[in-house]
Amino acid sequence: MSDNQLIKVEVKNDRQLVSARDLHRGLGLSTRFSKWVDQNFRDFEENEDFTSVTGVTVVNNGAKKPIKDYYITIDMAKQLCLLSHTEKGKQYRRYLIEIERKWNDPAEIVKRGYAILQNENTQLRIENQAMKPKALFADAVSTSNKTILVGDMAKILKQNGVNIGSIRLFQWLRQHGYLIRRDASDHNMPTQKSMERGLFKVKETVITHSDGHVTVSKTPKITGKGQVYFVNKFLESSNPDTEQFREEK
């Protein structure tokens, strides 16, 4: 870790992750690690926000001992920094925000996209190999500063070999917690999780009716970050949640 690097950031499956133990240590918390986990991890989703891993620590006699740790997302790490209510927490959160800003820079997104596609182990199922890098990221990156409708997202996925339309994409987004299912007034609106991750924005349109009364129409729109996120989600060969759409003819 370099002198100006507060915490080591790992990249796994195109996601930035940090060690929960490293964060706990860096924040200088007096609460023991296991208790801190019990108190703070309950509001997060395992295998989505954090993943259990086995780390290694060196004991007094020099032997290496396995120790439980967690890889946590940058979003989760930022929230844990806030929950610490310490100056260190503020410092680490600012650092993580800057790490995230660099990661989401459009130029970096393009660079990562091509790097992934050049790796034989992550080649995606598109027959025309020469057009694969463009097919995967061109549409998503070219609209990275614009929001689009869910139906337009379905078209981008369709162009990249994903057998899905607007109706089924809405169903999938509700089923996997990106859009609200039940409450009729908020049906198909982004969940809090989606909004916090910057995947969606809500467009509000004021409508004045012929009888003079006014209503507000709300439309969920996918951000540039969300477009790249869902392209990756649906074309990731190891993702069981989207496998059915890649396999269908």
C-alpha atoms as a PDB file:
ATOM      1  CA  MET A   1       0.000   0.000   0.000  1.00  0.00           C
ATOM      2  CA  SER A   2       1.471   3.382  -1.029  1.00  0.00           C
ATOM      3  CA  ASP A   3       2.050   6.186   1.483  1.00  0.00           C
ATOM      4  CA  ASN A   4      -0.988   8.178   0.322  1.00  0.00           C
ATOM      5  CA  GLN A   5      -3.297   5.134   0.120  1.00  0.00           C
ATOM      6  CA  LEU A   6      -5.518   5.022   3.184  1.00  0.00           C
ATOM      7  CA  ILE A   7      -6.918   1.569   2.483  1.00  0.00           C
ATOM      8  CA  LYS A   8      -6.178  -1.130  -0.079  1.00  0.00           C
ATOM      9  CA  VAL A   9      -8.845  -1.463  -2.762  1.00  0.00           C
ATOM     10  CA  GLU A  10      -9.262  -4.832  -4.511  1.00  0.00           C
ATOM     11  CA  VAL A  11     -11.022  -5.280  -7.849  1.00  0.00           C
ATOM     12  CA  LYS A  12     -12.993  -8.516  -8.194  1.00  0.00           C
ATOM     13  CA  ASN A  13     -15.531  -9.212 -10.950  1.00  0.00           C
ATOM     14  CA  ASP A  14     -15.230  -5.569 -12.008  1.00  0.00           C
ATOM     15  CA  ARG A  15     -16.234  -4.334  -8.533  1.00  0.00           C
ATOM     16  CA  GLN A  16     -14.165  -2.306  -6.095  1.00  0.00           C
ATOM     17  CA  LEU A  17     -13.958  -3.927  -2.668  1.00  0.00           C
ATOM     18  CA  VAL A  18     -12.127  -3.296   0.603  1.00  0.00           C
ATOM     19  CA  SER A  19     -11.377  -5.495   3.588  1.00  0.00           C
ATOM     20  CA  ALA A  20     -13.743  -4.948   6.520  1.00  0.00           C
ATOM     21  CA  ARG A  21     -10.855  -5.631   8.914  1.00  0.00           C
ATOM     22  CA  ASP A  22      -8.692  -3.025   7.170  1.00  0.00           C
ATOM     23  CA  LEU A  23     -11.509  -0.475   7.464  1.00  0.00           C
ATOM     24  CA  HIS A  24     -12.178  -1.345  11.113  1.00  0.00           C
ATOM     25  CA  ARG A  25      -8.462  -0.976  11.874  1.00  0.00           C
ATOM     26  CA  GLY A  26      -8.155   2.262   9.912  1.00  0.00           C
ATOM     27  CA  LEU A  27     -11.105   3.865  11.685  1.00  0.00           C
ATOM     28  CA  GLY A  28      -9.397   3.163  15.020  1.00  0.00           C
ATOM     29  CA  LEU A  29     -12.563   1.753  16.583  1.00  0.00           C
ATOM     30  CA  SER A  30     -12.444   0.435  20.144  1.00  0.00           C
ATOM     31  CA  THR A  31     -15.287  -2.029  19.554  1.00  0.00           C
ATOM     32  CA  ARG A  32     -13.938  -5.501  18.759  1.00  0.00           C
ATOM     33  CA  PHE A  33     -14.277  -6.510  15.136  1.00  0.00           C
ATOM     34  CA  SER A  34     -16.881  -9.284  15.562  1.00  0.00           C
ATOM     35  CA  LYS A  35     -19.167  -7.063  17.654  1.00  0.00           C
ATOM     36  CA  TRP A  36     -18.770  -4.205  15.158  1.00  0.00           C
ATOM     37  CA  VAL A  37     -19.849  -6.570  12.376  1.00  0.00           C
ATOM     38  CA  ASP A  38     -22.901  -7.761  14.359  1.00  0.00           C
ATOM     39  CA  GLN A  39     -23.942  -4.180  15.103  1.00  0.00           C
ATOM     40  CA  ASN A  40     -23.429  -2.674  11.643  1.00  0.00           C
ATOM     41  CA  PHE A  41     -23.807  -5.371   8.970  1.00  0.00           C
ATOM     42  CA  ARG A  42     -27.461  -6.220   9.692  1.00  0.00           C
ATOM     43  CA  ASP A  43     -28.762  -3.479   7.358  1.00  0.00           C
ATOM     44  CA  PHE A  44     -26.704  -4.731   4.394  1.00  0.00           C
ATOM     45  CA  GLU A  45     -27.173  -7.668   2.005  1.00  0.00           C
ATOM     46  CA  GLU A  46     -24.737 -10.568   2.079  1.00  0.00           C
ATOM     47  CA  ASN A  47     -23.342 -11.461  -1.362  1.00  0.00           C
ATOM     48  CA  GLU A  48     -24.518  -8.078  -2.608  1.00  0.00           C
ATOM     49  CA  ASP A  49     -22.924  -5.529  -0.258  1.00  0.00           C
ATOM     50  CA  PHE A  50     -20.455  -7.832   1.476  1.00  0.00           C
ATOM     51  CA  THR A  51     -18.961 -11.316   1.114  1.00  0.00           C
ATOM     52  CA  SER A  52     -17.397 -13.490   3.799  1.00  0.00           C
ATOM     53  CA  VAL A  53     -13.748 -14.392   3.118  1.00  0.00           C
ATOM     54  CA  THR A  54     -10.878 -15.959   5.038  1.00  0.00           C
ATOM     55  CA  GLY A  55      -7.893 -13.750   5.761  1.00  0.00           C
ATOM     56  CA  VAL A  56      -4.559 -14.506   7.399  1.00  0.00           C
ATOM     57  CA  THR A  57      -2.972 -13.023  10.506  1.00  0.00           C
ATOM     58  CA  VAL A  58       0.486 -13.636  11.974  1.00  0.00           C
ATOM     59  CA  VAL A  59       0.537 -14.708  15.639  1.00  0.00           C
ATOM     60  CA  ASN A  60       3.313 -14.150  18.191  1.00  0.00           C
ATOM     61  CA  ASN A  61       5.366 -17.204  17.226  1.00  0.00           C
ATOM     62  CA  GLY A  62       5.365 -16.139  13.590  1.00  0.00           C
ATOM     63  CA  ALA A  63       2.837 -18.727  12.465  1.00  0.00           C
ATOM     64  CA  LYS A  64       0.024 -17.761  10.113  1.00  0.00           C
ATOM     65  CA  LYS A  65      -3.500 -18.184  11.427  1.00  0.00           C
ATOM     66  CA  PRO A  66      -6.707 -18.034   9.341  1.00  0.00           C
ATOM     67  CA  ILE A  67      -9.074 -15.286  10.381  1.00  0.00           C
ATOM     68  CA  LYS A  68     -12.586 -14.323   9.271  1.00  0.00           C
ATOM     69  CA  ASP A  69     -12.895 -11.199   7.167  1.00  0.00           C
ATOM     70  CA  TYR A  70     -15.323  -9.652   4.667  1.00  0.00           C
ATOM     71  CA  TYR A  71     -14.940  -7.966   1.319  1.00  0.00           C
ATOM     72  CA  ILE A  72     -17.276  -4.964   1.330  1.00  0.00           C
ATOM     73  CA  THR A  73     -18.315  -2.627  -1.480  1.00  0.00           C
ATOM     74  CA  ILE A  74     -17.229   1.002  -1.614  1.00  0.00           C
ATOM     75  CA  ASP A  75     -20.856   2.070  -1.020  1.00  0.00           C
ATOM     76  CA  MET A  76     -21.068  -0.030   2.127  1.00  0.00           C
ATOM     77  CA  ALA A  77     -17.663   1.181   3.315  1.00  0.00           C
ATOM     78  CA  LYS A  78     -18.758   4.817   2.933  1.00  0.00           C
ATOM     79  CA  GLN A  79     -21.882   4.167   5.010  1.00  0.00           C
ATOM     80  CA  LEU A  80     -19.846   2.409   7.714  1.00  0.00           C
ATOM     81  CA  CYS A  81     -17.571   5.448   7.829  1.00  0.00           C
ATOM     82  CA  LEU A  82     -20.605   7.647   8.495  1.00  0.00           C
ATOM     83  CA  LEU A  83     -21.837   5.283  11.195  1.00  0.00           C
ATOM     84  CA  SER A  84     -18.490   5.540  13.020  1.00  0.00           C
ATOM     85  CA  HIS A  85     -19.168   9.232  13.874  1.00  0.00           C
ATOM     86  CA  THR A  86     -15.415   9.919  14.018  1.00  0.00           C
ATOM     87  CA  GLU A  87     -12.968  12.249  12.283  1.00  0.00           C
ATOM     88  CA  LYS A  88     -11.241   9.173  10.869  1.00  0.00           C
ATOM     89  CA  GLY A  89     -14.601   8.140   9.440  1.00  0.00           C
ATOM     90  CA  LYS A  90     -14.927  11.475   7.642  1.00  0.00           C
ATOM     91  CA  GLN A  91     -11.370  11.189   6.322  1.00  0.00           C
ATOM     92  CA  TYR A  92     -11.880   7.656   5.027  1.00  0.00           C
ATOM     93  CA  ARG A  93     -15.253   8.522   3.485  1.00  0.00           C
ATOM     94  CA  ARG A  94     -13.735  11.446   1.539  1.00  0.00           C
ATOM     95  CA  TYR A  95     -10.988   9.129   0.319  1.00  0.00           C
ATOM     96  CA  LEU A  96     -13.489   6.465  -0.789  1.00  0.00           C
ATOM     97  CA  ILE A  97     -15.640   9.059  -2.584  1.00  0.00           C
ATOM     98  CA  GLU A  98     -12.582  10.103  -4.603  1.00  0.00           C
ATOM     99  CA  ILE A  99     -11.724   6.456  -5.373  1.00  0.00           C
ATOM    100  CA  GLU A 100     -15.302   5.938  -6.574  1.00  0.00           C
ATOM    101  CA  ARG A 101     -15.245   9.144  -8.658  1.00  0.00           C
ATOM    102  CA  LYS A 102     -12.142   7.985 -10.522  1.00  0.00           C
ATOM    103  CA  TRP A 103     -13.640   4.512 -11.022  1.00  0.00           C
ATOM    104  CA  ASN A 104     -16.795   5.973 -12.597  1.00  0.00           C
ATOM    105  CA  ASP A 105     -14.951   8.347 -14.921  1.00  0.00           C
ATOM    106  CA  PRO A 106     -16.184   7.564 -18.483  1.00  0.00           C
ATOM    107  CA  ALA A 107     -12.617   7.091 -19.763  1.00  0.00           C
ATOM    108  CA  GLU A 108     -11.933   4.540 -17.027  1.00  0.00           C
ATOM    109  CA  ILE A 109     -15.192   2.714 -17.801  1.00  0.00           C
ATOM    110  CA  VAL A 110     -14.158   2.338 -21.439  1.00  0.00           C
ATOM    111  CA  LYS A 111     -10.660   1.197 -20.461  1.00  0.00           C
ATOM    112  CA  ARG A 112     -11.994  -1.445 -18.066  1.00  0.00           C
ATOM    113  CA  GLY A 113     -14.546  -2.603 -20.614  1.00  0.00           C
ATOM    114  CA  TYR A 114     -11.954  -3.361 -23.248  1.00  0.00           C
ATOM    115  CA  ALA A 115      -9.623  -4.976 -20.712  1.00  0.00           C
ATOM    116  CA  ILE A 116     -12.374  -7.347 -19.603  1.00  0.00           C
ATOM    117  CA  LEU A 117     -13.243  -8.292 -23.144  1.00  0.00           C
ATOM    118  CA  GLN A 118      -9.625  -9.067 -24.018  1.00  0.00           C
ATOM    119  CA  ASN A 119      -9.462 -11.660 -21.253  1.00  0.00           C
ATOM    120  CA  GLU A 120     -10.335 -15.077 -22.696  1.00  0.00           C
ATOM    121  CA  ASN A 121     -11.926 -16.200 -19.436  1.00  0.00           C
ATOM    122  CA  THR A 122     -14.493 -13.408 -19.588  1.00  0.00           C
ATOM    123  CA  GLN A 123     -15.287 -13.437 -23.306  1.00  0.00           C
ATOM    124  CA  LEU A 124     -19.011 -12.889 -23.715  1.00  0.00           C
ATOM    125  CA  ARG A 125     -21.316 -14.814 -26.006  1.00  0.00           C
ATOM    126  CA  ILE A 126     -21.444 -12.633 -29.097  1.00  0.00           C
ATOM    127  CA  GLU A 127     -20.588 -14.344 -32.378  1.00  0.00           C
ATOM    128  CA  ASN A 128     -18.875 -11.452 -34.121  1.00  0.00           C
ATOM    129  CA  GLN A 129     -15.614 -11.258 -32.183  1.00  0.00           C
ATOM    130  CA  ALA A 130     -14.370  -8.204 -34.070  1.00  0.00           C
ATOM    131  CA  MET A 131     -17.397  -6.188 -32.980  1.00  0.00           C
ATOM    132  CA  LYS A 132     -17.583  -7.525 -29.416  1.00  0.00           C
ATOM    133  CA  PRO A 133     -15.912  -4.601 -27.559  1.00  0.00           C
ATOM    134  CA  LYS A 134     -18.099  -2.095 -29.390  1.00  0.00           C
ATOM    135  CA  ALA A 135     -21.226  -4.212 -28.955  1.00  0.00           C
ATOM    136  CA  LEU A 136     -20.747  -4.532 -25.206  1.00  0.00           C
ATOM    137  CA  PHE A 137     -19.939  -0.992 -24.197  1.00  0.00           C
ATOM    138  CA  ALA A 138     -20.568   1.436 -27.073  1.00  0.00           C
ATOM    139  CA  ASP A 139     -24.223   2.153 -26.350  1.00  0.00           C
ATOM    140  CA  ALA A 140     -23.821   2.228 -22.578  1.00  0.00           C
ATOM    141  CA  VAL A 141     -20.757   4.468 -22.594  1.00  0.00           C
ATOM    142  CA  SER A 142     -22.008   6.791 -25.346  1.00  0.00           C
ATOM    143  CA  THR A 143     -25.024   7.654 -23.174  1.00  0.00           C
ATOM    144  CA  SER A 144     -23.082   7.740 -19.902  1.00  0.00           C
ATOM    145  CA  ASN A 145     -24.117  11.360 -19.235  1.00  0.00           C
ATOM    146  CA  LYS A 146     -27.782  10.795 -20.084  1.00  0.00           C
ATOM    147  CA  THR A 147     -30.678   9.025 -18.405  1.00  0.00           C
ATOM    148  CA  ILE A 148     -32.750   6.598 -20.478  1.00  0.00           C
ATOM    149  CA  LEU A 149     -36.077   4.795 -20.122  1.00  0.00           C
ATOM    150  CA  VAL A 150     -36.240   1.163 -19.045  1.00  0.00           C
ATOM    151  CA  GLY A 151     -37.552   0.308 -22.513  1.00  0.00           C
ATOM    152  CA  ASP A 152     -34.450   1.863 -24.082  1.00  0.00           C
ATOM    153  CA  MET A 153     -32.264  -0.169 -21.723  1.00  0.00           C
ATOM    154  CA  ALA A 154     -34.021  -3.309 -22.970  1.00  0.00           C
ATOM    155  CA  LYS A 155     -33.160  -2.310 -26.550  1.00  0.00           C
ATOM    156  CA  ILE A 156     -29.472  -1.868 -25.670  1.00  0.00           C
ATOM    157  CA  LEU A 157     -29.428  -5.300 -24.038  1.00  0.00           C
ATOM    158  CA  LYS A 158     -31.235  -6.819 -27.013  1.00  0.00           C
ATOM    159  CA  GLN A 159     -28.596  -5.399 -29.368  1.00  0.00           C
ATOM    160  CA  ASN A 160     -25.953  -7.148 -27.265  1.00  0.00           C
ATOM    161  CA  GLY A 161     -27.496 -10.613 -27.498  1.00  0.00           C
ATOM    162  CA  VAL A 162     -29.711 -10.528 -24.407  1.00  0.00           C
ATOM    163  CA  ASN A 163     -33.152 -11.958 -25.165  1.00  0.00           C
ATOM    164  CA  ILE A 164     -35.265  -9.552 -23.134  1.00  0.00           C
ATOM    165  CA  GLY A 165     -37.889  -6.900 -23.832  1.00  0.00           C
ATOM    166  CA  SER A 166     -39.289  -3.954 -21.904  1.00  0.00           C
ATOM    167  CA  ILE A 167     -41.984  -5.923 -20.010  1.00  0.00           C
ATOM    168  CA  ARG A 168     -39.622  -8.696 -18.916  1.00  0.00           C
ATOM    169  CA  LEU A 169     -36.934  -6.182 -17.932  1.00  0.00           C
ATOM    170  CA  PHE A 170     -39.436  -4.376 -15.683  1.00  0.00           C
ATOM    171  CA  GLN A 171     -40.343  -7.760 -14.152  1.00  0.00           C
ATOM    172  CA  TRP A 172     -36.678  -8.631 -13.586  1.00  0.00           C
ATOM    173  CA  LEU A 173     -35.932  -5.239 -12.005  1.00  0.00           C
ATOM    174  CA  ARG A 174     -38.855  -5.672  -9.589  1.00  0.00           C
ATOM    175  CA  GLN A 175     -37.962  -9.280  -8.798  1.00  0.00           C
ATOM    176  CA  HIS A 176     -34.359  -8.380  -7.937  1.00  0.00           C
ATOM    177  CA  GLY A 177     -35.138  -5.348  -5.811  1.00  0.00           C
ATOM    178  CA  TYR A 178     -34.249  -2.511  -8.180  1.00  0.00           C
ATOM    179  CA  LEU A 179     -37.850  -1.314  -8.619  1.00  0.00           C
ATOM    180  CA  ILE A 180     -40.720  -1.302  -6.097  1.00  0.00           C
ATOM    181  CA  ARG A 181     -43.243  -4.150  -6.449  1.00  0.00           C
ATOM    182  CA  ARG A 182     -46.210  -3.776  -4.139  1.00  0.00           C
ATOM    183  CA  ASP A 183     -47.294  -0.251  -3.255  1.00  0.00           C
ATOM    184  CA  ALA A 184     -49.561   0.845  -6.095  1.00  0.00           C
ATOM    185  CA  SER A 185     -48.660   4.535  -5.698  1.00  0.00           C
ATOM    186  CA  ASP A 186     -44.938   3.787  -6.042  1.00  0.00           C
ATOM    187  CA  HIS A 187     -45.218   0.813  -8.383  1.00  0.00           C
ATOM    188  CA  ASN A 188     -42.173   0.571 -10.677  1.00  0.00           C
ATOM    189  CA  MET A 189     -40.390   3.411  -8.882  1.00  0.00           C
ATOM    190  CA  PRO A 190     -36.718   2.824  -7.932  1.00  0.00           C
ATOM    191  CA  THR A 191     -36.066   1.279  -4.535  1.00  0.00           C
ATOM    192  CA  GLN A 192     -33.961   3.150  -1.991  1.00  0.00           C
ATOM    193  CA  LYS A 193     -31.095   0.761  -2.757  1.00  0.00           C
ATOM    194  CA  SER A 194     -31.191   1.679  -6.452  1.00  0.00           C
ATOM    195  CA  MET A 195     -31.279   5.401  -5.741  1.00  0.00           C
ATOM    196  CA  GLU A 196     -28.417   5.243  -3.233  1.00  0.00           C
ATOM    197  CA  ARG A 197     -26.285   3.407  -5.788  1.00  0.00           C
ATOM    198  CA  GLY A 198     -26.992   6.036  -8.416  1.00  0.00           C
ATOM    199  CA  LEU A 199     -28.568   3.549 -10.836  1.00  0.00           C
ATOM    200  CA  PHE A 200     -31.821   5.455 -11.323  1.00  0.00           C
ATOM    201  CA  LYS A 201     -33.299   8.936 -11.304  1.00  0.00           C
ATOM    202  CA  VAL A 202     -36.989   9.820 -11.210  1.00  0.00           C
ATOM    203  CA  LYS A 203     -38.344  12.296 -13.761  1.00  0.00           C
ATOM    204  CA  GLU A 204     -41.381  14.207 -12.527  1.00  0.00           C
ATOM    205  CA  THR A 205     -43.751  15.760 -15.080  1.00  0.00           C
ATOM    206  CA  VAL A 206     -46.526  18.154 -14.036  1.00  0.00           C
ATOM    207  CA  ILE A 207     -49.737  17.533 -16.001  1.00  0.00           C
ATOM    208  CA  THR A 208     -52.573  20.070 -16.071  1.00  0.00           C
ATOM    209  CA  HIS A 209     -55.871  18.369 -17.022  1.00  0.00           C
ATOM    210  CA  SER A 210     -58.771  19.866 -18.957  1.00  0.00           C
ATOM    211  CA  ASP A 211     -60.799  20.371 -15.768  1.00  0.00           C
ATOM    212  CA  GLY A 212     -57.969  22.364 -14.226  1.00  0.00           C
ATOM    213  CA  HIS A 213     -56.669  19.854 -11.694  1.00  0.00           C
ATOM    214  CA  VAL A 214     -52.955  19.105 -11.668  1.00  0.00           C
ATOM    215  CA  THR A 215     -51.218  15.764 -11.276  1.00  0.00           C
ATOM    216  CA  VAL A 216     -47.553  14.742 -11.228  1.00  0.00           C
ATOM    217  CA  SER A 217     -46.386  11.856 -13.392  1.00  0.00           C
ATOM    218  CA  LYS A 218     -43.264  10.010 -12.250  1.00  0.00           C
ATOM    219  CA  THR A 219     -41.033   8.023 -14.618  1.00  0.00           C
ATOM    220  CA  PRO A 220     -38.023   5.898 -13.599  1.00  0.00           C
ATOM    221  CA  LYS A 221     -34.954   6.576 -15.759  1.00  0.00           C
ATOM    222  CA  ILE A 222     -31.660   4.712 -15.743  1.00  0.00           C
ATOM    223  CA  THR A 223     -28.521   6.816 -15.236  1.00  0.00           C
ATOM    224  CA  GLY A 224     -25.284   6.419 -17.182  1.00  0.00           C
ATOM    225  CA  LYS A 225     -23.832   4.527 -14.232  1.00  0.00           C
ATOM    226  CA  GLY A 226     -26.916   2.310 -14.187  1.00  0.00           C
ATOM    227  CA  GLN A 227     -26.649   1.580 -17.906  1.00  0.00           C
ATOM    228  CA  VAL A 228     -23.096   0.288 -17.546  1.00  0.00           C
ATOM    229  CA  TYR A 229     -24.093  -1.624 -14.401  1.00  0.00           C
ATOM    230  CA  PHE A 230     -26.973  -3.464 -16.111  1.00  0.00           C
ATOM    231  CA  VAL A 231     -25.011  -4.177 -19.301  1.00  0.00           C
ATOM    232  CA  ASN A 232     -22.365  -5.847 -17.141  1.00  0.00           C
ATOM    233  CA  LYS A 233     -25.001  -7.605 -15.047  1.00  0.00           C
ATOM    234  CA  PHE A 234     -26.747  -9.203 -18.002  1.00  0.00           C
ATOM    235  CA  LEU A 235     -23.650 -10.108 -19.999  1.00  0.00           C
ATOM    236  CA  GLU A 236     -21.580 -11.476 -17.111  1.00  0.00           C
ATOM    237  CA  SER A 237     -21.204 -15.146 -18.005  1.00  0.00           C
ATOM    238  CA  SER A 238     -21.128 -16.303 -14.371  1.00  0.00           C
ATOM    239  CA  ASN A 239     -24.270 -14.442 -13.255  1.00  0.00           C
ATOM    240  CA  PRO A 240     -27.072 -16.991 -12.585  1.00  0.00           C
ATOM    241  CA  ASP A 241     -29.714 -14.231 -12.257  1.00  0.00           C
ATOM    242  CA  THR A 242     -29.463 -13.396 -15.970  1.00  0.00           C
ATOM    243  CA  GLU A 243     -28.358 -16.708 -17.481  1.00  0.00           C
ATOM    244  CA  GLN A 244     -31.832 -17.528 -18.826  1.00  0.00           C
ATOM    245  CA  PHE A 245     -31.812 -14.450 -21.047  1.00  0.00           C
ATOM    246  CA  ARG A 246     -28.373 -15.180 -22.498  1.00  0.00           C
ATOM    247  CA  GLU A 247     -29.241 -18.789 -23.299  1.00  0.00           C
ATOM    248  CA  GLU A 248     -32.623 -18.214 -24.907  1.00  0.00           C
ATOM    249  CA  LYS A 249     -32.683 -18.103 -28.700  1.00  0.00           C
END
